[in-house]
Amino acid sequence: MTVRTGLSVRVKGPLAPYATGVAEDLCERGYSDVSAWHHMRLFSQLSAWMEQAGLEPPDLTASEVGTFLGDRRRAAPTGLRTERTLGPMLTYLRRVTAVPELVTAPPDGPVERLLERYRDHLLRERGLVTTTAAQYLVDARMFLRERVSTSGQLELVAMNGEEVTQYVLRECRRRSVASSKLMVTRLRSLLRFLHLVGEAPPLAEVVPMVPGWRASGLPHALEPEQVDRLMVSCDRETAAGRRDHAMLTLLLRLGLRAGEVAALELDDFDWRSGEVIIRGKGNCQERLPLPVDVGEAVTAYVLNGRPHSHCRRLFMRARAPLGGVTSCAVKAAVRSACQRAGVTPAGAHRLRHTAATEMLRAGASLVEVSQVLRHRSPATTTIYARVDRGALRELARPWPGSEA
């Protein structure tokens, strides 16, 4: 069977019945005609290779895909020859159940099997997002690997407090204070889980504290002039510029986290009541008022920048394959804006500090700032009590022996 797609590519072989669907899917996902044509050529070559090898669509496993790519690399040292380039086509074929689903290899070894259970606990019971859970697993893997015996077995039942303390002291010597604080928090979480599932004695409480004054420094906020330059740097004549401008506006006006901006969906905006739903930490959903300038920035992007897609995520990738942006993309947009504006590189979280600082300068109370930032503990907001440096200078008393 031979099929000629709308991209002028002939496909023959066992995958020919799916050629039209693959071509339409590529175009729907935002690929240009030229890019889709190259992908369809690769699809045609895959189908011809399967015909020569005597394979049918149900036989196209991950192993067979690897064999095809290996043959292609030897025949064509350059060009589309990685598994990633086959991804869009394989995704479609798996969606229509033409080829087998990708089977993930089970965790190998006692450490990885235990970490898989721990990851499930963090996501389901603790409500952590995937990226945060992955960071917990990094520290957990380091700790558990030291408890593997020469026979390859995990030895946790006989673990005692001295071993835990020695591990923490050794790790803290090579880390900063901030990194050490995160490490002990994650270690306590792991030890609680190990005791919960009966793998280890209760040792979470023996993990020592890391010295360091809480909220001892000033929050790092951008100056108003820097904020203006940051916003002006977005080219709102382009779709990507309107998208980045809307994301920066949300970060600066509502103090959202990068992950919260990435998670926004079209249905989260209640335009009649002027509110927006924010999906925060721990799977919490809260409503915030929608300022006029935020609504205008979002509307400008949705009407004149957001690509047409079945995806309900608000902010979309500017290039194919179309899909919602990630928190890393939001952070990258902030870094790019800083570079364009000539501002010292700043992370997305600094814009959250900037939002809180501007609210206080405008006369908001710490309680109001805490509500907007959705802090679980009011103590978290106390760091912003130090942002008015002029008032702090008036409170400061002269050093004994110096001139007043």
Protein backbone atom coordinates (compact mmCIF):
# COMPACT_ATOMS: atom_id res chain seq x y z
CA MET A 1 0.00 0.00 0.00
CA THR A 2 1.25 3.49 -0.91
CA VAL A 3 -0.15 6.78 0.43
CA ARG A 4 0.73 10.28 -0.76
CA THR A 5 0.30 12.80 2.03
CA GLY A 6 -0.57 16.48 1.64
CA LEU A 7 3.13 17.19 2.24
CA SER A 8 4.15 15.52 -1.07
CA VAL A 9 5.73 12.52 0.63
CA ARG A 10 4.92 9.00 -0.53
CA VAL A 11 4.69 6.43 2.24
CA LYS A 12 4.57 2.74 1.44
CA GLY A 13 4.75 -0.24 3.71
CA PRO A 14 2.98 -1.22 6.95
CA LEU A 15 2.73 2.38 8.24
CA ALA A 16 1.11 3.78 5.08
CA PRO A 17 -2.47 3.69 6.51
CA TYR A 18 -1.39 6.10 9.24
CA ALA A 19 0.53 8.56 7.05
CA THR A 20 -2.31 11.04 6.58
CA GLY A 21 -3.06 11.09 10.29
CA VAL A 22 0.61 11.65 11.18
CA ALA A 23 0.88 14.51 8.65
CA GLU A 24 -2.25 16.20 9.99
CA ASP A 25 -1.04 15.75 13.58
CA LEU A 26 2.31 17.38 12.79
CA CYS A 27 0.59 20.40 11.26
CA GLU A 28 -1.85 20.65 14.17
CA ARG A 29 1.04 20.63 16.63
CA GLY A 30 2.55 23.69 14.99
CA TYR A 31 5.26 22.25 12.73
CA SER A 32 5.98 24.32 9.64
CA ASP A 33 5.46 22.72 6.22
CA VAL A 34 9.22 22.33 5.75
CA SER A 35 9.76 20.76 9.18
CA ALA A 36 6.73 18.47 8.78
CA TRP A 37 8.00 17.41 5.35
CA HIS A 38 11.35 16.32 6.83
CA HIS A 39 9.56 14.37 9.57
CA MET A 40 7.32 12.68 7.01
CA ARG A 41 10.37 11.66 4.97
CA LEU A 42 11.75 9.99 8.09
CA PHE A 43 8.35 8.35 8.67
CA SER A 44 8.41 7.05 5.10
CA GLN A 45 11.90 5.63 5.59
CA LEU A 46 10.80 3.94 8.83
CA SER A 47 7.84 2.32 7.07
CA ALA A 48 10.06 1.13 4.19
CA TRP A 49 12.58 -0.29 6.66
CA MET A 50 9.80 -2.17 8.47
CA GLU A 51 8.57 -3.63 5.19
CA GLN A 52 12.06 -4.83 4.33
CA ALA A 53 12.47 -6.34 7.81
CA GLY A 54 9.08 -8.04 7.64
CA LEU A 55 7.67 -6.08 10.58
CA GLU A 56 4.07 -5.03 11.18
CA PRO A 57 3.01 -2.01 13.32
CA PRO A 58 2.46 -4.14 16.48
CA ASP A 59 6.09 -5.29 16.14
CA LEU A 60 7.50 -1.76 16.39
CA THR A 61 8.85 -1.91 19.95
CA ALA A 62 11.40 0.43 21.50
CA SER A 63 14.08 -2.13 20.65
CA GLU A 64 13.11 -2.16 16.96
CA VAL A 65 13.09 1.64 16.89
CA GLY A 66 16.64 1.58 18.24
CA THR A 67 17.67 -0.88 15.54
CA PHE A 68 16.19 1.35 12.83
CA LEU A 69 17.99 4.42 14.15
CA GLY A 70 21.26 2.50 14.37
CA ASP A 71 20.92 1.44 10.73
CA ARG A 72 20.08 5.02 9.75
CA ARG A 73 23.11 6.45 11.55
CA ARG A 74 25.41 4.11 9.68
CA ALA A 75 23.75 4.95 6.35
CA ALA A 76 23.36 8.72 6.95
CA PRO A 77 25.83 10.19 9.47
CA THR A 78 23.90 13.48 9.51
CA GLY A 79 20.24 14.46 9.54
CA LEU A 80 17.23 13.26 11.50
CA ARG A 81 18.61 10.20 13.21
CA THR A 82 17.74 10.36 16.94
CA GLU A 83 14.87 8.91 18.92
CA ARG A 84 13.73 12.43 19.74
CA THR A 85 13.02 13.19 16.08
CA LEU A 86 10.79 10.13 15.89
CA GLY A 87 8.96 11.21 19.04
CA PRO A 88 6.05 13.13 17.42
CA MET A 89 5.28 10.29 15.00
CA LEU A 90 5.58 7.55 17.62
CA THR A 91 3.37 9.54 19.98
CA TYR A 92 0.62 9.62 17.36
CA LEU A 93 1.00 5.93 16.52
CA ARG A 94 0.80 5.00 20.20
CA ARG A 95 -2.21 7.25 20.70
CA VAL A 96 -4.15 5.42 17.98
CA THR A 97 -2.86 2.08 19.37
CA ALA A 98 -1.10 1.22 16.11
CA VAL A 99 2.20 0.39 17.82
CA PRO A 100 2.94 -0.85 21.37
CA GLU A 101 3.10 1.58 24.25
CA LEU A 102 6.55 2.49 25.49
CA VAL A 103 7.32 0.16 28.38
CA THR A 104 9.41 1.71 31.13
CA ALA A 105 11.97 -0.64 32.59
CA PRO A 106 11.22 -1.49 36.23
CA PRO A 107 13.55 0.01 38.84
CA ASP A 108 16.72 -2.01 39.12
CA GLY A 109 18.24 -2.71 42.54
CA PRO A 110 16.99 -2.23 46.12
CA VAL A 111 17.77 1.50 46.19
CA GLU A 112 15.84 2.32 43.02
CA ARG A 113 12.89 0.13 44.03
CA LEU A 114 12.67 1.88 47.40
CA LEU A 115 13.02 5.29 45.75
CA GLU A 116 10.12 4.46 43.43
CA ARG A 117 7.93 3.83 46.50
CA TYR A 118 9.23 7.03 48.11
CA ARG A 119 8.49 9.04 44.96
CA ASP A 120 4.92 7.73 44.94
CA HIS A 121 4.59 8.72 48.61
CA LEU A 122 5.83 12.25 47.93
CA LEU A 123 3.44 12.77 45.02
CA ARG A 124 0.34 11.11 46.43
CA GLU A 125 0.57 11.61 50.19
CA ARG A 126 2.67 14.74 50.50
CA GLY A 127 1.27 16.54 47.46
CA LEU A 128 4.65 17.56 46.04
CA VAL A 129 4.96 18.48 42.38
CA THR A 130 7.09 16.29 40.14
CA THR A 131 10.06 18.66 40.00
CA THR A 132 10.22 19.05 43.81
CA ALA A 133 9.90 15.30 44.33
CA ALA A 134 12.82 14.79 41.93
CA GLN A 135 14.98 17.05 44.11
CA TYR A 136 14.03 15.04 47.22
CA LEU A 137 15.04 11.85 45.39
CA VAL A 138 18.52 13.19 44.61
CA ASP A 139 19.38 13.53 48.32
CA ALA A 140 17.56 10.31 49.20
CA ARG A 141 19.57 8.37 46.60
CA MET A 142 22.87 9.70 47.98
CA PHE A 143 21.92 8.67 51.51
CA LEU A 144 20.59 5.22 50.61
CA ARG A 145 23.51 4.24 48.37
CA GLU A 146 25.83 4.49 51.37
CA ARG A 147 23.69 1.88 53.10
CA VAL A 148 24.07 -0.83 50.49
CA SER A 149 26.11 -3.78 51.76
CA THR A 150 28.78 -5.64 49.80
CA SER A 151 26.14 -8.26 49.01
CA GLY A 152 23.99 -5.59 47.35
CA GLN A 153 21.32 -5.43 50.07
CA LEU A 154 20.00 -2.31 51.81
CA GLU A 155 20.82 -2.34 55.52
CA LEU A 156 18.41 0.05 57.20
CA VAL A 157 16.89 -1.85 60.12
CA ALA A 158 20.08 -1.66 62.20
CA MET A 159 20.73 2.00 61.32
CA ASN A 160 21.26 4.24 64.35
CA GLY A 161 21.31 7.92 65.18
CA GLU A 162 25.10 8.18 65.18
CA GLU A 163 25.27 7.08 61.53
CA VAL A 164 22.69 9.67 60.57
CA THR A 165 24.47 12.42 62.48
CA GLN A 166 27.86 11.57 60.96
CA TYR A 167 26.33 11.65 57.48
CA VAL A 168 24.78 15.07 58.07
CA LEU A 169 28.01 16.53 59.47
CA ARG A 170 30.02 15.22 56.53
CA GLU A 171 27.57 16.59 53.98
CA CYS A 172 27.31 19.99 55.66
CA ARG A 173 31.07 20.49 55.43
CA ARG A 174 30.88 20.57 51.63
CA ARG A 175 27.61 22.51 51.27
CA SER A 176 26.46 26.06 51.82
CA VAL A 177 24.14 26.86 54.71
CA ALA A 178 21.12 27.07 52.40
CA SER A 179 21.96 23.76 50.71
CA SER A 180 22.53 22.10 54.10
CA LYS A 181 19.15 23.26 55.35
CA LEU A 182 17.46 21.74 52.31
CA MET A 183 19.42 18.53 52.73
CA VAL A 184 18.39 17.94 56.35
CA THR A 185 14.75 18.75 55.52
CA ARG A 186 14.76 16.14 52.76
CA LEU A 187 16.59 13.63 54.94
CA ARG A 188 13.99 13.95 57.70
CA SER A 189 11.27 13.35 55.11
CA LEU A 190 13.03 10.19 53.89
CA LEU A 191 13.58 8.86 57.42
CA ARG A 192 9.92 9.42 58.31
CA PHE A 193 8.91 7.48 55.21
CA LEU A 194 11.32 4.63 55.99
CA HIS A 195 9.87 4.30 59.49
CA LEU A 196 6.32 4.54 58.15
CA VAL A 197 6.83 1.58 55.80
CA GLY A 198 8.71 -0.43 58.41
CA GLU A 199 12.13 -0.25 56.76
CA ALA A 200 14.00 1.65 59.50
CA PRO A 201 13.69 2.76 63.15
CA PRO A 202 12.34 6.26 63.94
CA LEU A 203 15.36 8.45 63.30
CA ALA A 204 13.92 11.64 61.79
CA GLU A 205 14.17 13.49 65.10
CA VAL A 206 17.88 12.77 65.51
CA VAL A 207 18.79 14.72 62.36
CA PRO A 208 20.64 17.78 63.72
CA MET A 209 19.60 21.32 62.96
CA VAL A 210 21.74 23.47 60.69
CA PRO A 211 22.77 26.72 62.41
CA GLY A 212 21.72 29.88 60.65
CA TRP A 213 19.44 32.76 61.45
CA ARG A 214 16.11 32.56 59.72
CA ALA A 215 15.34 35.50 57.40
CA SER A 216 18.54 37.26 58.48
CA GLY A 217 19.13 39.04 55.18
CA LEU A 218 17.25 41.52 53.10
CA PRO A 219 15.03 40.18 50.30
CA HIS A 220 16.58 40.80 46.89
CA ALA A 221 14.09 42.91 44.97
CA LEU A 222 14.52 44.80 41.72
CA GLU A 223 14.36 48.56 41.72
CA PRO A 224 11.37 50.23 39.97
CA GLU A 225 13.62 51.50 37.18
CA GLN A 226 14.89 47.95 36.57
CA VAL A 227 11.34 46.62 36.48
CA ASP A 228 10.42 49.19 33.82
CA ARG A 229 13.39 48.19 31.68
CA LEU A 230 12.49 44.54 32.09
CA MET A 231 8.94 45.05 30.84
CA VAL A 232 9.96 47.32 27.96
CA SER A 233 12.44 44.68 26.77
CA CYS A 234 9.58 42.38 25.70
CA ASP A 235 8.84 42.87 21.99
CA ARG A 236 5.05 42.94 22.03
CA GLU A 237 4.97 43.00 18.24
CA THR A 238 5.69 39.25 18.34
CA ALA A 239 3.69 36.37 19.83
CA ALA A 240 6.61 35.27 22.01
CA GLY A 241 7.08 38.83 23.26
CA ARG A 242 3.42 39.16 24.23
CA ARG A 243 3.62 35.82 26.01
CA ASP A 244 6.75 36.79 27.97
CA HIS A 245 5.24 40.19 28.83
CA ALA A 246 2.14 38.48 30.25
CA MET A 247 4.25 36.03 32.27
CA LEU A 248 6.43 38.82 33.70
CA THR A 249 3.32 40.83 34.57
CA LEU A 250 1.89 37.89 36.54
CA LEU A 251 5.19 37.37 38.36
CA LEU A 252 5.56 41.04 39.26
CA ARG A 253 1.96 41.95 40.08
CA LEU A 254 0.70 38.80 41.80
CA GLY A 255 3.99 37.43 43.09
CA LEU A 256 3.41 34.02 41.53
CA ARG A 257 6.00 31.29 41.49
CA ALA A 258 7.36 30.09 38.14
CA GLY A 259 5.54 26.77 38.47
CA GLU A 260 2.26 28.54 39.22
CA VAL A 261 2.57 30.65 36.08
CA ALA A 262 3.30 27.56 33.98
CA ALA A 263 0.30 25.70 35.48
CA LEU A 264 -2.26 28.40 34.62
CA GLU A 265 -5.07 27.28 32.32
CA LEU A 266 -7.57 29.24 30.26
CA ASP A 267 -10.40 28.10 32.50
CA ASP A 268 -8.68 29.51 35.60
CA PHE A 269 -9.72 33.05 34.69
CA ASP A 270 -13.13 34.28 35.83
CA TRP A 271 -13.40 37.44 33.78
CA ARG A 272 -16.83 38.44 35.13
CA SER A 273 -15.76 38.45 38.76
CA GLY A 274 -12.18 39.54 38.01
CA GLU A 275 -10.48 36.59 39.71
CA VAL A 276 -7.91 33.96 38.80
CA ILE A 277 -7.36 30.51 40.31
CA ILE A 278 -3.78 29.77 41.36
CA ARG A 279 -2.55 26.20 41.82
CA GLY A 280 0.03 26.55 44.56
CA LYS A 281 2.12 24.25 46.69
CA GLY A 282 0.59 21.07 48.03
CA ASN A 283 -2.08 20.98 45.30
CA CYS A 284 -3.81 23.97 46.93
CA GLN A 285 -6.07 26.11 44.75
CA GLU A 286 -6.72 29.70 45.77
CA ARG A 287 -8.43 32.67 44.15
CA LEU A 288 -6.71 36.02 43.73
CA PRO A 289 -8.08 39.31 42.43
CA LEU A 290 -7.13 39.98 38.81
CA PRO A 291 -5.57 43.46 38.42
CA VAL A 292 -6.49 45.37 35.29
CA ASP A 293 -2.96 45.42 33.85
CA VAL A 294 -2.59 41.67 34.39
CA GLY A 295 -5.90 41.05 32.61
CA GLU A 296 -4.88 43.28 29.71
CA ALA A 297 -1.51 41.52 29.30
CA VAL A 298 -3.11 38.06 29.38
CA THR A 299 -5.87 39.11 26.97
CA ALA A 300 -3.36 40.59 24.50
CA TYR A 301 -1.50 37.28 24.43
CA VAL A 302 -4.58 35.06 24.16
CA LEU A 303 -6.15 37.09 21.34
CA ASN A 304 -3.00 37.93 19.38
CA GLY A 305 -0.26 35.49 20.28
CA ARG A 306 -1.43 32.21 21.69
CA PRO A 307 -1.42 29.48 19.03
CA HIS A 308 -4.65 27.61 18.32
CA SER A 309 -4.53 24.32 20.18
CA HIS A 310 -6.71 21.83 22.05
CA CYS A 311 -4.37 22.28 25.02
CA ARG A 312 -6.02 24.33 27.80
CA ARG A 313 -2.78 25.62 29.29
CA LEU A 314 -2.58 29.41 29.11
CA PHE A 315 1.04 29.83 28.09
CA MET A 316 2.19 27.79 25.12
CA ARG A 317 5.51 27.01 23.50
CA ALA A 318 6.32 29.36 20.64
CA ARG A 319 7.76 26.53 18.52
CA ALA A 320 6.59 23.05 17.63
CA PRO A 321 5.65 20.75 19.14
CA LEU A 322 2.95 22.94 20.64
CA GLY A 323 2.22 22.44 24.30
CA GLY A 324 2.21 24.21 27.63
CA VAL A 325 5.40 25.86 28.88
CA THR A 326 7.27 24.45 31.86
CA SER A 327 8.47 26.27 34.96
CA CYS A 328 11.98 26.14 33.45
CA ALA A 329 10.67 28.04 30.41
CA VAL A 330 9.21 30.73 32.69
CA LYS A 331 12.55 31.09 34.46
CA ALA A 332 14.33 31.24 31.11
CA ALA A 333 12.00 34.05 29.99
CA VAL A 334 13.00 36.07 33.06
CA ARG A 335 16.70 35.51 32.43
CA SER A 336 16.33 36.49 28.78
CA ALA A 337 14.45 39.66 29.73
CA CYS A 338 17.23 40.59 32.16
CA GLN A 339 19.81 40.10 29.45
CA ARG A 340 17.88 42.25 26.98
CA ALA A 341 17.28 44.98 29.57
CA GLY A 342 20.87 45.05 30.80
CA VAL A 343 19.76 44.08 34.30
CA THR A 344 21.84 41.84 36.56
CA PRO A 345 20.62 38.28 35.93
CA ALA A 346 17.73 37.45 38.25
CA GLY A 347 15.57 34.42 38.82
CA ALA A 348 11.79 34.29 38.68
CA HIS A 349 11.64 34.19 42.48
CA ARG A 350 13.27 37.61 42.68
CA LEU A 351 10.23 39.02 40.90
CA ARG A 352 8.12 37.50 43.69
CA HIS A 353 10.27 39.40 46.20
CA THR A 354 9.84 42.50 44.06
CA ALA A 355 6.05 42.13 44.11
CA ALA A 356 6.03 41.92 47.92
CA THR A 357 8.37 44.88 48.26
CA GLU A 358 6.25 47.05 45.98
CA MET A 359 3.09 46.16 47.92
CA LEU A 360 4.72 47.27 51.18
CA ARG A 361 5.98 50.49 49.60
CA ALA A 362 2.43 51.19 48.44
CA GLY A 363 1.17 50.91 52.03
CA ALA A 364 0.05 47.27 52.26
CA SER A 365 0.43 45.49 55.59
CA LEU A 366 2.43 42.32 56.17
CA VAL A 367 -0.85 40.44 56.60
CA GLU A 368 -2.03 41.58 53.17
CA VAL A 369 1.30 40.64 51.60
CA SER A 370 1.08 37.22 53.23
CA GLN A 371 -2.39 36.71 51.77
CA VAL A 372 -1.32 37.64 48.24
CA LEU A 373 1.81 35.48 48.38
CA ARG A 374 -0.23 32.69 50.02
CA HIS A 375 2.30 31.99 52.75
CA ARG A 376 1.21 29.18 55.04
CA SER A 377 3.02 30.70 58.01
CA PRO A 378 2.95 34.45 58.79
CA ALA A 379 6.57 34.10 59.94
CA THR A 380 7.61 33.58 56.32
CA THR A 381 6.45 37.09 55.48
CA THR A 382 8.43 38.78 58.28
CA ILE A 383 11.51 39.02 56.06
CA TYR A 384 9.77 41.84 54.20
CA ALA A 385 9.65 43.93 57.37
CA ARG A 386 13.21 44.91 56.49
CA VAL A 387 12.60 46.27 53.00
CA ASP A 388 12.16 49.92 54.00
CA ARG A 389 15.82 50.73 54.49
CA GLY A 390 15.14 54.40 55.13
CA ALA A 391 12.92 53.59 58.09
CA LEU A 392 15.47 51.08 59.36
CA ARG A 393 18.19 53.75 59.33
CA GLU A 394 16.03 55.96 61.56
CA LEU A 395 15.65 53.10 64.04
CA ALA A 396 19.35 52.24 64.08
CA ARG A 397 21.23 53.52 67.12
CA PRO A 398 24.82 54.84 66.84
CA TRP A 399 27.66 52.51 67.72
CA PRO A 400 29.01 53.23 71.23
CA GLY A 401 31.92 55.68 71.05
CA SER A 402 31.06 56.93 67.56
CA GLU A 403 29.68 60.34 66.66
CA ALA A 404 25.86 60.45 66.56
